[in-house]
Amino acid sequence: MMRLSFLSTTAALFIGSAAWAADFAIPVDGDFWVDDITWPTQGKGYEFRWLVIEHDGQLAVCGAGKYVNVSNKTQTRDLMRKAKVTLDGKPILKDLTFFTQLKSNADLATAKATCRDTGAKAGKNSKVGLDISGRARF
């Protein structure tokens, strides 16, 4: 498995989707990055683990998550649809709603993560970023 460095950033969102090859699953382990979506006025809405791996010569994004606040689930899901993963600043995957969804009391550390191929290939010093930003009305 190829290891890439993680760079978390926020930027303008791109909206779109593409047809992807079949998703696959891997177990969540200690290599996964721990992250969440927290709304300034509503608190934490979503907890997730994610990782970018090399699969069949290209990068794949893997993730599992859970909604922790039902009152902002709709807004959080909309934000996940607008999220993008970048490679060296360029988007390689949009929409993270394919992540395995767990019940709010489930343990993310023992989950199976859903993975989606991106079609992108990384260089030796490539940097992966995750852009999740936006606004919502509550």
C-alpha atoms as a PDB file:
ATOM      1  CA  MET A   1       0.000   0.000   0.000  1.00  0.00           C
ATOM      2  CA  MET A   2       1.397   3.386  -0.994  1.00  0.00           C
ATOM      3  CA  ARG A   3       1.439   6.000   1.776  1.00  0.00           C
ATOM      4  CA  LEU A   4       0.703   9.593   0.906  1.00  0.00           C
ATOM      5  CA  SER A   5       1.003  12.640   3.072  1.00  0.00           C
ATOM      6  CA  PHE A   6      -2.208  14.332   4.137  1.00  0.00           C
ATOM      7  CA  LEU A   7      -2.866  18.033   3.688  1.00  0.00           C
ATOM      8  CA  SER A   8      -6.191  19.344   4.950  1.00  0.00           C
ATOM      9  CA  THR A   9      -7.389  22.527   3.294  1.00  0.00           C
ATOM     10  CA  THR A  10     -10.567  24.410   2.603  1.00  0.00           C
ATOM     11  CA  ALA A  11     -11.344  25.907  -0.757  1.00  0.00           C
ATOM     12  CA  ALA A  12     -14.176  26.612  -3.143  1.00  0.00           C
ATOM     13  CA  LEU A  13     -16.332  23.583  -3.809  1.00  0.00           C
ATOM     14  CA  PHE A  14     -16.859  21.867  -7.123  1.00  0.00           C
ATOM     15  CA  ILE A  15     -20.093  20.033  -7.795  1.00  0.00           C
ATOM     16  CA  GLY A  16     -20.282  17.037 -10.092  1.00  0.00           C
ATOM     17  CA  SER A  17     -20.108  13.313 -10.382  1.00  0.00           C
ATOM     18  CA  ALA A  18     -18.665  10.719 -12.668  1.00  0.00           C
ATOM     19  CA  ALA A  19     -19.168   7.062 -13.385  1.00  0.00           C
ATOM     20  CA  TRP A  20     -16.734   4.966 -11.373  1.00  0.00           C
ATOM     21  CA  ALA A  21     -15.605   1.378 -11.413  1.00  0.00           C
ATOM     22  CA  ALA A  22     -17.043  -0.919  -8.784  1.00  0.00           C
ATOM     23  CA  ASP A  23     -16.385   0.124  -5.213  1.00  0.00           C
ATOM     24  CA  PHE A  24     -14.572  -2.264  -2.864  1.00  0.00           C
ATOM     25  CA  ALA A  25     -14.059  -2.485   0.894  1.00  0.00           C
ATOM     26  CA  ILE A  26     -11.111  -2.724   3.282  1.00  0.00           C
ATOM     27  CA  PRO A  27     -10.983  -2.807   7.088  1.00  0.00           C
ATOM     28  CA  VAL A  28     -10.313   0.455   8.907  1.00  0.00           C
ATOM     29  CA  ASP A  29      -6.946   0.321  10.679  1.00  0.00           C
ATOM     30  CA  GLY A  30      -4.463   2.633  12.352  1.00  0.00           C
ATOM     31  CA  ASP A  31      -3.348   4.093   9.002  1.00  0.00           C
ATOM     32  CA  PHE A  32      -6.706   5.827   8.480  1.00  0.00           C
ATOM     33  CA  TRP A  33      -6.954   9.546   9.172  1.00  0.00           C
ATOM     34  CA  VAL A  34      -9.506  10.581  11.818  1.00  0.00           C
ATOM     35  CA  ASP A  35     -11.683  13.545  10.869  1.00  0.00           C
ATOM     36  CA  ASP A  36     -15.082  15.134  11.478  1.00  0.00           C
ATOM     37  CA  ILE A  37     -17.481  17.794  10.270  1.00  0.00           C
ATOM     38  CA  THR A  38     -18.384  20.277  12.991  1.00  0.00           C
ATOM     39  CA  TRP A  39     -20.811  23.140  12.490  1.00  0.00           C
ATOM     40  CA  PRO A  40     -19.952  26.331  14.439  1.00  0.00           C
ATOM     41  CA  THR A  41     -23.483  26.745  15.824  1.00  0.00           C
ATOM     42  CA  GLN A  42     -24.716  23.141  15.715  1.00  0.00           C
ATOM     43  CA  GLY A  43     -21.759  21.119  16.943  1.00  0.00           C
ATOM     44  CA  LYS A  44     -20.330  17.936  15.508  1.00  0.00           C
ATOM     45  CA  GLY A  45     -22.426  16.436  12.755  1.00  0.00           C
ATOM     46  CA  TYR A  46     -20.291  13.637  11.322  1.00  0.00           C
ATOM     47  CA  GLU A  47     -17.262  11.604  12.380  1.00  0.00           C
ATOM     48  CA  PHE A  48     -15.273   9.645   9.832  1.00  0.00           C
ATOM     49  CA  ARG A  49     -12.064   7.814   9.034  1.00  0.00           C
ATOM     50  CA  TRP A  50     -10.539   8.011   5.570  1.00  0.00           C
ATOM     51  CA  LEU A  51      -7.438   6.998   3.667  1.00  0.00           C
ATOM     52  CA  VAL A  52      -6.019   7.214   0.156  1.00  0.00           C
ATOM     53  CA  ILE A  53      -4.369   4.011  -1.073  1.00  0.00           C
ATOM     54  CA  GLU A  54      -2.867   2.714  -4.286  1.00  0.00           C
ATOM     55  CA  HIS A  55      -5.115   0.097  -5.923  1.00  0.00           C
ATOM     56  CA  ASP A  56      -4.502  -1.484  -9.319  1.00  0.00           C
ATOM     57  CA  GLY A  57      -2.028   1.265 -10.243  1.00  0.00           C
ATOM     58  CA  GLN A  58      -4.255   4.194  -9.330  1.00  0.00           C
ATOM     59  CA  LEU A  59      -5.345   5.991  -6.201  1.00  0.00           C
ATOM     60  CA  ALA A  60      -8.483   5.003  -4.324  1.00  0.00           C
ATOM     61  CA  VAL A  61     -10.216   6.922  -1.543  1.00  0.00           C
ATOM     62  CA  CYS A  62     -11.567   4.814   1.319  1.00  0.00           C
ATOM     63  CA  GLY A  63     -13.820   5.907   4.142  1.00  0.00           C
ATOM     64  CA  ALA A  64     -16.332   5.063   6.832  1.00  0.00           C
ATOM     65  CA  GLY A  65     -18.361   7.459   8.930  1.00  0.00           C
ATOM     66  CA  LYS A  66     -21.361   8.081  11.120  1.00  0.00           C
ATOM     67  CA  TYR A  67     -23.773  10.932  11.671  1.00  0.00           C
ATOM     68  CA  VAL A  68     -23.660  11.945  15.321  1.00  0.00           C
ATOM     69  CA  ASN A  69     -26.294  14.688  15.318  1.00  0.00           C
ATOM     70  CA  VAL A  70     -29.629  13.946  13.662  1.00  0.00           C
ATOM     71  CA  SER A  71     -30.616  17.643  13.771  1.00  0.00           C
ATOM     72  CA  ASN A  72     -27.959  18.564  11.186  1.00  0.00           C
ATOM     73  CA  LYS A  73     -27.815  15.319   9.178  1.00  0.00           C
ATOM     74  CA  THR A  74     -29.361  16.816   6.024  1.00  0.00           C
ATOM     75  CA  GLN A  75     -26.981  19.772   5.960  1.00  0.00           C
ATOM     76  CA  THR A  76     -23.998  17.535   6.734  1.00  0.00           C
ATOM     77  CA  ARG A  77     -24.898  15.099   3.942  1.00  0.00           C
ATOM     78  CA  ASP A  78     -25.228  17.998   1.504  1.00  0.00           C
ATOM     79  CA  LEU A  79     -21.756  19.159   2.519  1.00  0.00           C
ATOM     80  CA  MET A  80     -20.352  15.642   2.003  1.00  0.00           C
ATOM     81  CA  ARG A  81     -21.777  15.672  -1.545  1.00  0.00           C
ATOM     82  CA  LYS A  82     -19.813  18.856  -2.255  1.00  0.00           C
ATOM     83  CA  ALA A  83     -16.545  17.621  -0.715  1.00  0.00           C
ATOM     84  CA  LYS A  84     -13.531  16.846  -2.860  1.00  0.00           C
ATOM     85  CA  VAL A  85     -10.254  15.011  -2.509  1.00  0.00           C
ATOM     86  CA  THR A  86      -7.306  16.683  -4.203  1.00  0.00           C
ATOM     87  CA  LEU A  87      -3.939  15.459  -5.412  1.00  0.00           C
ATOM     88  CA  ASP A  88      -1.309  18.174  -5.556  1.00  0.00           C
ATOM     89  CA  GLY A  89      -4.081  20.774  -5.477  1.00  0.00           C
ATOM     90  CA  LYS A  90      -6.182  19.262  -8.294  1.00  0.00           C
ATOM     91  CA  PRO A  91      -9.507  17.513  -7.608  1.00  0.00           C
ATOM     92  CA  ILE A  92      -9.440  13.757  -8.176  1.00  0.00           C
ATOM     93  CA  LEU A  93     -12.714  12.774  -6.486  1.00  0.00           C
ATOM     94  CA  LYS A  94     -15.896  14.640  -5.619  1.00  0.00           C
ATOM     95  CA  ASP A  95     -18.701  13.528  -3.281  1.00  0.00           C
ATOM     96  CA  LEU A  96     -17.859  11.462  -0.203  1.00  0.00           C
ATOM     97  CA  THR A  97     -21.356  10.083   0.370  1.00  0.00           C
ATOM     98  CA  PHE A  98     -20.118   6.662  -0.812  1.00  0.00           C
ATOM     99  CA  PHE A  99     -18.323   6.187   2.533  1.00  0.00           C
ATOM    100  CA  THR A 100     -19.631   3.258   4.586  1.00  0.00           C
ATOM    101  CA  GLN A 101     -22.374   4.624   6.853  1.00  0.00           C
ATOM    102  CA  LEU A 102     -22.452   3.279  10.392  1.00  0.00           C
ATOM    103  CA  LYS A 103     -24.963   3.682  13.204  1.00  0.00           C
ATOM    104  CA  SER A 104     -24.202   6.545  15.574  1.00  0.00           C
ATOM    105  CA  ASN A 105     -23.091   4.159  18.352  1.00  0.00           C
ATOM    106  CA  ALA A 106     -20.823   2.042  16.102  1.00  0.00           C
ATOM    107  CA  ASP A 107     -17.037   1.945  16.493  1.00  0.00           C
ATOM    108  CA  LEU A 108     -15.300   3.482  13.478  1.00  0.00           C
ATOM    109  CA  ALA A 109     -12.015   1.769  14.404  1.00  0.00           C
ATOM    110  CA  THR A 110     -13.497  -1.656  13.598  1.00  0.00           C
ATOM    111  CA  ALA A 111     -15.521  -0.693  10.506  1.00  0.00           C
ATOM    112  CA  LYS A 112     -15.140  -1.749   6.900  1.00  0.00           C
ATOM    113  CA  ALA A 113     -14.413   1.256   4.715  1.00  0.00           C
ATOM    114  CA  THR A 114     -15.837   1.614   1.224  1.00  0.00           C
ATOM    115  CA  CYS A 115     -13.195   2.517  -1.363  1.00  0.00           C
ATOM    116  CA  ARG A 116     -13.602   4.213  -4.742  1.00  0.00           C
ATOM    117  CA  ASP A 117     -10.958   4.382  -7.472  1.00  0.00           C
ATOM    118  CA  THR A 118     -10.093   7.877  -8.683  1.00  0.00           C
ATOM    119  CA  GLY A 119      -8.299   7.147 -11.936  1.00  0.00           C
ATOM    120  CA  ALA A 120      -5.390   9.308 -10.728  1.00  0.00           C
ATOM    121  CA  LYS A 121      -1.796   8.240 -10.195  1.00  0.00           C
ATOM    122  CA  ALA A 122       0.456   9.796  -7.573  1.00  0.00           C
ATOM    123  CA  GLY A 123       4.057  10.860  -7.922  1.00  0.00           C
ATOM    124  CA  LYS A 124       6.736  10.183  -5.338  1.00  0.00           C
ATOM    125  CA  ASN A 125       6.135  13.433  -3.413  1.00  0.00           C
ATOM    126  CA  SER A 126       2.419  13.894  -4.080  1.00  0.00           C
ATOM    127  CA  LYS A 127       0.205  15.516  -1.459  1.00  0.00           C
ATOM    128  CA  VAL A 128      -3.414  14.552  -0.840  1.00  0.00           C
ATOM    129  CA  GLY A 129      -5.923  17.091   0.444  1.00  0.00           C
ATOM    130  CA  LEU A 130      -9.523  17.035   1.594  1.00  0.00           C
ATOM    131  CA  ASP A 131     -11.699  20.091   0.921  1.00  0.00           C
ATOM    132  CA  ILE A 132     -14.955  20.261   2.843  1.00  0.00           C
ATOM    133  CA  SER A 133     -16.433  23.713   3.182  1.00  0.00           C
ATOM    134  CA  GLY A 134     -19.754  25.402   2.737  1.00  0.00           C
ATOM    135  CA  ARG A 135     -22.727  27.000   4.388  1.00  0.00           C
ATOM    136  CA  ALA A 136     -26.072  25.720   5.554  1.00  0.00           C
ATOM    137  CA  ARG A 137     -29.287  27.044   7.074  1.00  0.00           C
ATOM    138  CA  PHE A 138     -30.607  25.459  10.223  1.00  0.00           C
END
